[in-house]
Amino acid sequence: MKTKQLIRNATIVNEGRTFVGSVLIHGEQIVAVYEENETIEFSENCVEIDATGLLLIPGVIDDQVHFRDPGLTHKGDLFSESRAAVAGGITSFMDMPNTRPQATTVEILEEKYTSAAEKSLANYSFLMGVTNDNIEELKKVDGHQVAGVKMFMGSSTGNMLVDNTETLNRVFAEIPLLIVTHCEDETIIQKNIAHYKELLGDDIPIEYHPLIRSAEACYKSSSYAVELATKYNSRLHVFHLSSAKEMSLFTSDIPLKEKRITAEVCVHHLWFSDADYAKYGNRIKWNPAVKAESDRLALIDAVNSNKIDVIATDHAPHLLSEKEGSCLKAASGGPLVQHSLVAMLQMVKQGNFSLEKVVEKMCHAPAELFRIEKRGFIRPGYFADLVLVDPNCSWTVSSENILYKCGWSPFEGTRFDASVLNTWVNGQLVYDNGLIDDTVRGKRLLFNY
């Protein structure tokens, strides 16, 4: 007999509302949502969780992670990073194709799904990688079972650069799946590298990273992607936007369900600015680069105005030894899944966002944009992917409580006011006050393609 669970008297944040209520779970699914004064009907064998004073939100859906599996598992793997994810309130993730081997064939893609079924504590999907010569392979992808195709458009650190004009046009014209892009223009980047090498030599300081991978490089590539998507009426989702200038490319005038062109921002571009390089150095080196404070503020405004649709992490762990060296040598990327939700809740406390807006952009919008089946909302009939948060349980990130395989975080030393207490994946309590049930396995995400 499947166990029933009742999360009682929680402060539920869901679909633009915050109210006190209770949620009844039976097996994998939510079977009822009760408001404060409604009569709750449940049997005696129900496990009750008193959530008085706690926030209950849908599980976070992270639409961009690099869990490094297969081929780069010294940095992270599907088990270790999904484990960190559920501790951070992330119940579903979408992993990128630039692994070893790269997921640029259906066969390799399916091997990743098989591996995730064996290893992942969270629900999972994997994007198919686009190259200059695999368009026929892309056409084999089943849109019901795969989130979309990922294209490094103009720039890549993983030999997946798509720069052939004919290929670009064919992808936007012929692939009906959601096209997801990393947009930085390689020509501008190389020109900037040459300029600063001439000026400073090979050991360029990290502070020059946002000048090399500049707002101009981002805008040129992003605007080209938008131009192609508009020309062919494609579904385009632009990852990790980082500049104020790019915000002119996106609209807030229509509901998300009606948008063909959508936008994502990552936590680090909302939290850090170029003023932080002096303190954090290469630990906040990402591609695209963390840019000026004016860019950060413009991104915050774009989230609130709905020009930006999704908040994600681009979780990309490296060993600290790989983050050493000058601007051109240190690896780009960092681990974030354990801390993304609490960081955004801290930004709520700072007055940057409402609680409802954070839940919208981290839970509802990814489900809606990717058309994920029965996830992202607290609704009867949906999978019970849920997170219980204590908004007044402060803690400090330290090496002792970091779960990433790489063993570090750009947030080390940061004090957060909120803590994730419990995480349910498909009705299973996978994270419980610091204890992780390593036997839980997530499910493959499905899509209403």
Protein backbone atom coordinates (compact mmCIF):
# COMPACT_ATOMS: atom_id res chain seq x y z
CA MET A 1 0.00 0.00 0.00
CA LYS A 2 1.39 3.40 -0.98
CA THR A 3 2.10 5.72 1.92
CA LYS A 4 0.09 8.89 2.31
CA GLN A 5 1.83 12.03 3.58
CA LEU A 6 0.19 15.23 4.79
CA ILE A 7 2.24 18.42 4.90
CA ARG A 8 0.10 20.45 7.29
CA ASN A 9 -0.20 24.20 7.90
CA ALA A 10 2.54 25.28 5.50
CA THR A 11 2.84 28.72 3.96
CA ILE A 12 2.33 27.63 0.37
CA VAL A 13 3.84 29.74 -2.42
CA ASN A 14 2.30 28.69 -5.72
CA GLU A 15 0.95 30.27 -8.91
CA GLY A 16 1.33 33.85 -7.73
CA ARG A 17 -0.29 33.30 -4.33
CA THR A 18 1.01 32.84 -0.79
CA PHE A 19 -1.42 31.22 1.63
CA VAL A 20 -1.51 28.89 4.60
CA GLY A 21 -2.62 25.41 3.67
CA SER A 22 -1.87 21.70 3.55
CA VAL A 23 -0.86 19.27 0.83
CA LEU A 24 -1.78 15.59 0.74
CA ILE A 25 0.55 13.20 -1.09
CA HIS A 26 -0.31 9.64 -2.05
CA GLY A 27 2.52 7.66 -3.59
CA GLU A 28 4.15 9.76 -6.30
CA GLN A 29 1.45 12.38 -6.67
CA ILE A 30 -0.22 15.30 -4.99
CA VAL A 31 -3.84 14.29 -4.43
CA ALA A 32 -5.20 17.38 -2.68
CA VAL A 33 -4.31 20.96 -1.77
CA TYR A 34 -6.23 22.43 1.16
CA GLU A 35 -6.53 26.04 2.19
CA GLU A 36 -6.31 26.97 5.86
CA ASN A 37 -9.96 26.57 6.82
CA GLU A 38 -10.86 23.63 4.57
CA THR A 39 -11.63 20.22 6.03
CA ILE A 40 -8.81 17.75 5.43
CA GLU A 41 -9.82 14.20 4.59
CA PHE A 42 -7.17 11.54 5.10
CA SER A 43 -6.82 8.08 6.61
CA GLU A 44 -5.19 7.19 9.91
CA ASN A 45 -2.13 5.60 8.29
CA CYS A 46 -1.04 8.99 6.91
CA VAL A 47 2.36 10.41 7.87
CA GLU A 48 1.93 13.99 9.05
CA ILE A 49 4.53 16.76 8.75
CA ASP A 50 3.88 19.92 10.73
CA ALA A 51 5.02 22.80 8.50
CA THR A 52 3.78 25.69 10.62
CA GLY A 53 5.86 28.77 9.84
CA LEU A 54 7.62 27.08 6.94
CA LEU A 55 7.45 27.77 3.19
CA LEU A 56 6.26 25.04 0.84
CA ILE A 57 7.13 25.52 -2.82
CA PRO A 58 7.22 23.32 -5.93
CA GLY A 59 10.54 21.61 -6.55
CA VAL A 60 12.99 23.82 -8.41
CA ILE A 61 13.59 22.89 -12.06
CA ASP A 62 17.10 23.83 -13.19
CA ASP A 63 17.16 24.05 -16.97
CA GLN A 64 20.95 24.24 -17.31
CA VAL A 65 23.51 22.10 -15.52
CA HIS A 66 26.79 20.39 -16.38
CA PHE A 67 27.02 17.33 -14.13
CA ARG A 68 30.17 16.21 -16.01
CA ASP A 69 29.01 12.65 -16.54
CA PRO A 70 30.38 10.86 -18.56
CA GLY A 71 34.04 11.57 -19.12
CA LEU A 72 34.72 14.42 -16.69
CA THR A 73 33.65 12.74 -13.48
CA HIS A 74 36.66 13.92 -11.47
CA LYS A 75 34.75 17.24 -11.31
CA GLY A 76 31.28 15.85 -10.61
CA ASP A 77 28.92 13.07 -11.63
CA LEU A 78 25.23 12.33 -11.85
CA PHE A 79 25.12 10.88 -8.34
CA SER A 80 27.19 13.51 -6.52
CA GLU A 81 25.69 16.57 -8.20
CA SER A 82 22.06 15.37 -8.08
CA ARG A 83 22.68 14.73 -4.39
CA ALA A 84 23.79 18.35 -3.94
CA ALA A 85 20.84 19.49 -6.05
CA VAL A 86 18.15 17.87 -3.88
CA ALA A 87 19.83 19.32 -0.79
CA GLY A 88 19.34 22.70 -2.44
CA GLY A 89 15.68 22.12 -3.33
CA ILE A 90 16.22 21.22 -7.00
CA THR A 91 14.06 18.24 -7.94
CA SER A 92 14.57 18.23 -11.73
CA PHE A 93 17.48 19.22 -13.96
CA MET A 94 18.44 19.43 -17.63
CA ASP A 95 22.03 18.46 -18.36
CA MET A 96 24.11 19.79 -21.24
CA PRO A 97 25.67 17.78 -24.09
CA ASN A 98 29.34 18.85 -23.82
CA THR A 99 30.49 15.76 -21.94
CA ARG A 100 32.99 13.13 -23.13
CA PRO A 101 31.79 11.77 -25.45
CA GLN A 102 29.61 14.68 -26.51
CA ALA A 103 25.90 13.89 -26.71
CA THR A 104 25.58 14.57 -30.44
CA THR A 105 23.96 11.27 -31.46
CA VAL A 106 20.74 9.70 -30.24
CA GLU A 107 22.69 6.62 -29.14
CA ILE A 108 25.04 8.58 -26.88
CA LEU A 109 22.15 10.66 -25.57
CA GLU A 110 20.24 7.54 -24.56
CA GLU A 111 23.31 6.18 -22.80
CA LYS A 112 23.20 9.28 -20.57
CA TYR A 113 19.55 8.60 -19.75
CA THR A 114 20.38 5.02 -18.83
CA SER A 115 23.14 6.24 -16.55
CA ALA A 116 20.89 8.80 -14.87
CA ALA A 117 18.25 6.16 -14.15
CA GLU A 118 20.91 4.29 -12.19
CA LYS A 119 22.52 7.28 -10.43
CA SER A 120 20.34 10.39 -10.16
CA LEU A 121 18.41 11.31 -7.00
CA ALA A 122 16.55 14.02 -8.95
CA ASN A 123 14.43 13.92 -12.11
CA TYR A 124 16.47 14.42 -15.26
CA SER A 125 16.59 15.32 -18.91
CA PHE A 126 19.49 15.72 -21.34
CA LEU A 127 19.73 18.10 -24.26
CA MET A 128 21.02 16.88 -27.62
CA GLY A 129 24.10 18.70 -28.87
CA VAL A 130 24.21 20.50 -32.22
CA THR A 131 27.34 20.39 -34.39
CA ASN A 132 28.09 21.70 -37.86
CA ASP A 133 27.28 18.31 -39.39
CA ASN A 134 24.72 16.36 -37.31
CA ILE A 135 21.43 17.85 -38.45
CA GLU A 136 20.09 14.49 -39.69
CA GLU A 137 20.77 13.05 -36.24
CA LEU A 138 18.88 15.95 -34.63
CA LYS A 139 15.82 15.02 -36.66
CA LYS A 140 15.71 11.63 -34.92
CA VAL A 141 15.21 13.16 -31.47
CA ASP A 142 11.84 12.42 -29.85
CA GLY A 143 10.48 15.71 -28.52
CA HIS A 144 8.26 13.87 -26.05
CA GLN A 145 11.30 12.43 -24.29
CA VAL A 146 14.02 15.06 -24.83
CA ALA A 147 13.92 18.68 -23.66
CA GLY A 148 15.45 20.17 -26.79
CA VAL A 149 18.71 20.72 -28.67
CA LYS A 150 21.63 22.77 -27.37
CA MET A 151 23.77 24.91 -29.65
CA PHE A 152 26.96 26.73 -28.74
CA MET A 153 26.34 29.55 -31.17
CA GLY A 154 29.40 31.64 -31.82
CA SER A 155 31.48 30.33 -28.92
CA SER A 156 32.26 27.13 -27.07
CA THR A 157 34.79 25.72 -24.65
CA GLY A 158 33.97 22.13 -25.59
CA ASN A 159 34.62 21.85 -29.35
CA MET A 160 30.92 22.20 -30.10
CA LEU A 161 31.10 25.59 -31.81
CA VAL A 162 28.42 25.93 -34.48
CA ASP A 163 29.62 28.61 -36.87
CA ASN A 164 28.55 27.36 -40.28
CA THR A 165 25.94 29.75 -41.69
CA GLU A 166 24.18 27.04 -43.68
CA THR A 167 23.97 24.79 -40.63
CA LEU A 168 22.60 27.59 -38.47
CA ASN A 169 19.87 28.36 -40.97
CA ARG A 170 18.98 24.69 -41.39
CA VAL A 171 18.73 24.11 -37.64
CA PHE A 172 16.36 27.04 -37.17
CA ALA A 173 14.38 26.14 -40.31
CA GLU A 174 14.14 22.36 -39.96
CA ILE A 175 14.30 21.40 -36.27
CA PRO A 176 10.88 21.69 -34.58
CA LEU A 177 12.28 21.11 -31.09
CA LEU A 178 13.14 23.89 -28.67
CA ILE A 179 16.53 25.31 -29.71
CA VAL A 180 18.64 26.36 -26.73
CA THR A 181 21.69 28.55 -27.31
CA HIS A 182 24.87 29.74 -25.67
CA CYS A 183 25.52 33.06 -27.39
CA GLU A 184 28.93 34.74 -27.50
CA ASP A 185 30.62 35.84 -30.71
CA GLU A 186 34.01 34.14 -31.15
CA THR A 187 35.35 36.70 -33.63
CA ILE A 188 34.89 39.55 -31.15
CA ILE A 189 36.33 37.46 -28.31
CA GLN A 190 39.47 36.61 -30.28
CA LYS A 191 39.91 40.23 -31.29
CA ASN A 192 39.66 41.27 -27.64
CA ILE A 193 42.13 38.59 -26.56
CA ALA A 194 44.66 39.82 -29.12
CA HIS A 195 44.17 43.41 -27.95
CA TYR A 196 44.72 42.67 -24.26
CA LYS A 197 47.62 40.29 -24.93
CA GLU A 198 49.34 43.10 -26.78
CA LEU A 199 48.59 45.45 -23.91
CA LEU A 200 49.29 43.15 -20.93
CA GLY A 201 51.05 40.01 -22.18
CA ASP A 202 49.81 36.45 -21.66
CA ASP A 203 49.04 36.75 -17.94
CA ILE A 204 45.91 38.85 -18.19
CA PRO A 205 44.24 39.50 -14.78
CA ILE A 206 40.75 38.11 -14.15
CA GLU A 207 39.29 41.63 -14.07
CA TYR A 208 39.66 41.72 -17.85
CA HIS A 209 37.48 38.67 -18.41
CA PRO A 210 34.26 40.70 -18.92
CA LEU A 211 36.14 42.99 -21.31
CA ILE A 212 37.33 40.04 -23.39
CA ARG A 213 34.02 38.15 -23.34
CA SER A 214 32.25 41.46 -23.65
CA ALA A 215 28.68 42.67 -23.76
CA GLU A 216 29.25 43.38 -27.44
CA ALA A 217 30.22 39.73 -28.06
CA CYS A 218 27.11 38.54 -26.25
CA TYR A 219 24.76 40.93 -28.02
CA LYS A 220 26.07 40.17 -31.51
CA SER A 221 25.49 36.44 -31.06
CA SER A 222 22.19 36.71 -29.16
CA SER A 223 20.74 39.14 -31.68
CA TYR A 224 21.70 36.80 -34.52
CA ALA A 225 19.95 33.89 -32.79
CA VAL A 226 16.83 36.01 -32.30
CA GLU A 227 17.00 37.10 -35.94
CA LEU A 228 17.11 33.50 -37.15
CA ALA A 229 14.35 32.36 -34.79
CA THR A 230 12.16 35.24 -35.95
CA LYS A 231 12.86 34.46 -39.61
CA TYR A 232 11.88 30.78 -39.27
CA ASN A 233 9.36 31.12 -36.40
CA SER A 234 11.48 28.72 -34.36
CA ARG A 235 11.22 28.11 -30.63
CA LEU A 236 14.39 29.68 -29.18
CA HIS A 237 15.56 29.81 -25.57
CA VAL A 238 18.69 31.86 -24.91
CA PHE A 239 20.75 30.69 -21.94
CA HIS A 240 22.62 32.73 -19.29
CA LEU A 241 22.06 36.28 -20.49
CA SER A 242 24.56 38.60 -18.86
CA SER A 243 24.25 42.13 -20.25
CA ALA A 244 21.86 45.04 -20.16
CA LYS A 245 22.14 45.47 -23.92
CA GLU A 246 20.71 42.00 -24.62
CA MET A 247 17.49 42.85 -22.77
CA SER A 248 16.31 44.85 -25.79
CA LEU A 249 15.98 41.55 -27.67
CA PHE A 250 13.21 40.14 -25.48
CA THR A 251 9.61 41.01 -24.77
CA SER A 252 7.42 41.13 -21.68
CA ASP A 253 4.25 41.96 -23.61
CA ILE A 254 2.86 38.43 -24.01
CA PRO A 255 2.34 35.44 -21.69
CA LEU A 256 5.09 32.83 -21.52
CA LYS A 257 2.88 30.19 -23.17
CA GLU A 258 2.66 32.38 -26.27
CA LYS A 259 6.35 33.27 -26.52
CA ARG A 260 8.44 31.70 -29.28
CA ILE A 261 11.64 33.40 -28.05
CA THR A 262 12.51 33.14 -24.35
CA ALA A 263 15.32 34.08 -22.01
CA GLU A 264 17.19 32.69 -19.02
CA VAL A 265 19.46 34.30 -16.44
CA CYS A 266 21.72 32.51 -13.98
CA VAL A 267 22.03 33.11 -10.26
CA HIS A 268 25.64 34.27 -10.50
CA HIS A 269 24.79 37.04 -12.96
CA LEU A 270 22.12 38.29 -10.55
CA TRP A 271 24.35 38.04 -7.47
CA PHE A 272 27.87 39.07 -8.53
CA SER A 273 29.26 42.01 -10.53
CA ASP A 274 32.71 42.95 -11.82
CA ALA A 275 33.35 44.66 -8.47
CA ASP A 276 33.57 41.16 -6.95
CA TYR A 277 36.54 39.94 -9.01
CA ALA A 278 38.95 41.55 -6.54
CA LYS A 279 37.56 39.40 -3.72
CA TYR A 280 36.65 36.14 -5.47
CA GLY A 281 39.02 36.06 -8.44
CA ASN A 282 38.67 33.02 -10.70
CA ARG A 283 35.99 31.52 -8.47
CA ILE A 284 33.49 33.77 -10.25
CA LYS A 285 34.88 33.24 -13.71
CA TRP A 286 32.05 32.08 -15.96
CA ASN A 287 31.26 32.19 -19.65
CA PRO A 288 29.49 34.49 -20.32
CA ALA A 289 31.39 36.68 -17.88
CA VAL A 290 30.01 38.38 -14.81
CA LYS A 291 29.82 41.97 -15.97
CA ALA A 292 29.18 45.47 -14.59
CA GLU A 293 26.84 46.40 -11.74
CA SER A 294 24.66 48.19 -14.30
CA ASP A 295 24.27 44.88 -16.14
CA ARG A 296 23.38 43.05 -12.92
CA LEU A 297 20.71 45.62 -12.09
CA ALA A 298 19.30 45.46 -15.62
CA LEU A 299 19.00 41.67 -15.32
CA ILE A 300 17.14 42.02 -12.02
CA ASP A 301 14.75 44.48 -13.65
CA ALA A 302 14.26 42.11 -16.59
CA VAL A 303 13.30 39.27 -14.27
CA ASN A 304 10.72 41.46 -12.57
CA SER A 305 9.33 42.77 -15.87
CA ASN A 306 9.18 39.23 -17.35
CA LYS A 307 11.60 39.93 -20.18
CA ILE A 308 13.60 37.12 -18.56
CA ASP A 309 11.58 33.96 -18.14
CA VAL A 310 13.75 31.51 -16.17
CA ILE A 311 16.36 31.61 -13.41
CA ALA A 312 18.86 28.72 -13.47
CA THR A 313 22.43 27.90 -12.41
CA ASP A 314 24.67 26.76 -15.29
CA HIS A 315 26.16 24.55 -12.56
CA ALA A 316 29.59 23.68 -13.95
CA PRO A 317 32.02 22.30 -11.36
CA HIS A 318 35.80 22.32 -11.74
CA LEU A 319 38.49 21.37 -9.26
CA LEU A 320 40.03 24.41 -7.60
CA SER A 321 43.33 23.45 -9.22
CA GLU A 322 41.60 23.90 -12.59
CA LYS A 323 40.48 27.38 -11.58
CA GLU A 324 44.04 28.59 -11.07
CA GLY A 325 46.05 30.79 -13.40
CA SER A 326 45.47 33.92 -15.43
CA CYS A 327 42.27 35.04 -17.10
CA LEU A 328 42.97 32.98 -20.22
CA LYS A 329 44.09 29.82 -18.40
CA ALA A 330 41.64 29.35 -15.51
CA ALA A 331 38.60 27.17 -16.21
CA SER A 332 35.25 28.94 -16.57
CA GLY A 333 32.32 27.76 -14.49
CA GLY A 334 31.44 26.92 -10.92
CA PRO A 335 29.13 24.79 -8.75
CA LEU A 336 25.77 26.28 -7.73
CA VAL A 337 22.91 23.77 -7.42
CA GLN A 338 23.11 23.38 -3.63
CA HIS A 339 22.89 27.13 -3.07
CA SER A 340 20.81 28.62 -5.89
CA LEU A 341 17.44 28.59 -4.12
CA VAL A 342 18.71 29.99 -0.83
CA ALA A 343 20.65 32.66 -2.73
CA MET A 344 17.50 33.75 -4.52
CA LEU A 345 15.56 33.75 -1.24
CA GLN A 346 18.29 36.01 0.15
CA MET A 347 17.68 38.35 -2.77
CA VAL A 348 14.01 38.35 -1.80
CA LYS A 349 14.99 39.50 1.66
CA GLN A 350 17.21 42.18 0.11
CA GLY A 351 14.17 43.53 -1.74
CA ASN A 352 15.20 42.54 -5.26
CA PHE A 353 12.36 40.08 -5.91
CA SER A 354 9.10 38.91 -4.42
CA LEU A 355 8.85 35.37 -3.13
CA GLU A 356 6.19 34.65 -5.74
CA LYS A 357 8.51 35.88 -8.52
CA VAL A 358 11.33 33.55 -7.46
CA VAL A 359 8.96 30.57 -7.44
CA GLU A 360 7.60 31.63 -10.83
CA LYS A 361 11.04 31.84 -12.44
CA MET A 362 12.63 28.78 -10.80
CA CYS A 363 9.68 26.37 -10.66
CA HIS A 364 6.68 27.33 -12.80
CA ALA A 365 8.35 28.93 -15.82
CA PRO A 366 10.81 26.11 -16.63
CA ALA A 367 7.92 23.63 -16.54
CA GLU A 368 5.78 25.84 -18.75
CA LEU A 369 8.52 26.84 -21.19
CA PHE A 370 9.82 23.29 -21.73
CA ARG A 371 6.26 21.89 -21.56
CA ILE A 372 7.20 19.39 -18.85
CA GLU A 373 4.46 16.95 -17.96
CA LYS A 374 2.90 17.32 -14.48
CA ARG A 375 5.70 19.16 -12.72
CA GLY A 376 6.56 22.67 -11.57
CA PHE A 377 3.31 23.42 -9.72
CA ILE A 378 1.54 22.36 -6.53
CA ARG A 379 -1.56 20.88 -8.13
CA PRO A 380 -3.62 17.71 -7.62
CA GLY A 381 -2.55 15.09 -10.13
CA TYR A 382 0.98 16.48 -10.43
CA PHE A 383 4.08 14.67 -9.25
CA ALA A 384 4.90 15.47 -5.63
CA ASP A 385 8.14 17.37 -6.25
CA LEU A 386 8.13 19.68 -3.25
CA VAL A 387 10.48 21.71 -1.07
CA LEU A 388 9.98 22.81 2.52
CA VAL A 389 12.02 25.85 3.53
CA ASP A 390 12.61 27.51 6.88
CA PRO A 391 12.88 31.22 6.02
CA ASN A 392 14.41 32.02 9.42
CA CYS A 393 17.09 29.36 9.84
CA SER A 394 20.38 31.05 9.01
CA TRP A 395 23.58 29.22 8.17
CA THR A 396 26.97 29.87 6.63
CA VAL A 397 28.38 28.04 3.62
CA SER A 398 31.63 26.28 4.56
CA SER A 399 33.81 23.44 3.35
CA GLU A 400 32.16 21.23 5.97
CA ASN A 401 28.65 21.53 4.51
CA ILE A 402 29.42 21.67 0.76
CA LEU A 403 28.19 18.57 -1.09
CA TYR A 404 29.71 19.17 -4.53
CA LYS A 405 32.28 16.60 -5.61
CA CYS A 406 34.69 19.44 -6.44
CA GLY A 407 34.54 20.49 -2.78
CA TRP A 408 34.16 24.27 -3.05
CA SER A 409 31.58 26.99 -3.69
CA PRO A 410 31.75 30.64 -4.77
CA PHE A 411 29.42 31.23 -1.80
CA GLU A 412 31.87 29.95 0.84
CA GLY A 413 31.68 32.30 3.81
CA THR A 414 28.27 33.65 2.75
CA ARG A 415 25.52 33.62 5.37
CA PHE A 416 22.05 32.74 4.14
CA ASP A 417 18.93 33.43 6.19
CA ALA A 418 16.85 30.55 4.78
CA SER A 419 17.49 26.81 4.86
CA VAL A 420 16.08 23.94 2.81
CA LEU A 421 14.64 21.48 5.34
CA ASN A 422 12.94 18.83 3.19
CA THR A 423 12.87 17.86 -0.47
CA TRP A 424 10.45 15.36 -2.02
CA VAL A 425 11.07 13.84 -5.46
CA ASN A 426 8.03 12.00 -6.84
CA GLY A 427 6.62 11.81 -3.31
CA GLN A 428 9.80 10.33 -1.84
CA LEU A 429 11.46 12.27 0.97
CA VAL A 430 14.97 12.41 -0.43
CA TYR A 431 16.37 15.19 1.78
CA ASP A 432 15.41 15.50 5.44
CA ASN A 433 17.15 18.06 7.67
CA GLY A 434 20.63 17.28 6.40
CA LEU A 435 20.08 13.57 5.83
CA ILE A 436 19.97 12.30 2.25
CA ASP A 437 18.27 9.08 1.18
CA ASP A 438 20.75 7.84 -1.40
CA THR A 439 18.40 5.05 -2.47
CA VAL A 440 15.90 7.46 -4.09
CA ARG A 441 16.02 7.72 -7.88
CA GLY A 442 14.36 10.36 -9.99
CA LYS A 443 12.46 9.87 -13.22
CA ARG A 444 13.05 10.85 -16.81
CA LEU A 445 11.21 14.10 -17.55
CA LEU A 446 8.57 13.91 -20.27
CA PHE A 447 7.37 16.79 -22.43
CA ASN A 448 4.09 17.78 -24.05
CA TYR A 449 5.74 18.16 -27.44
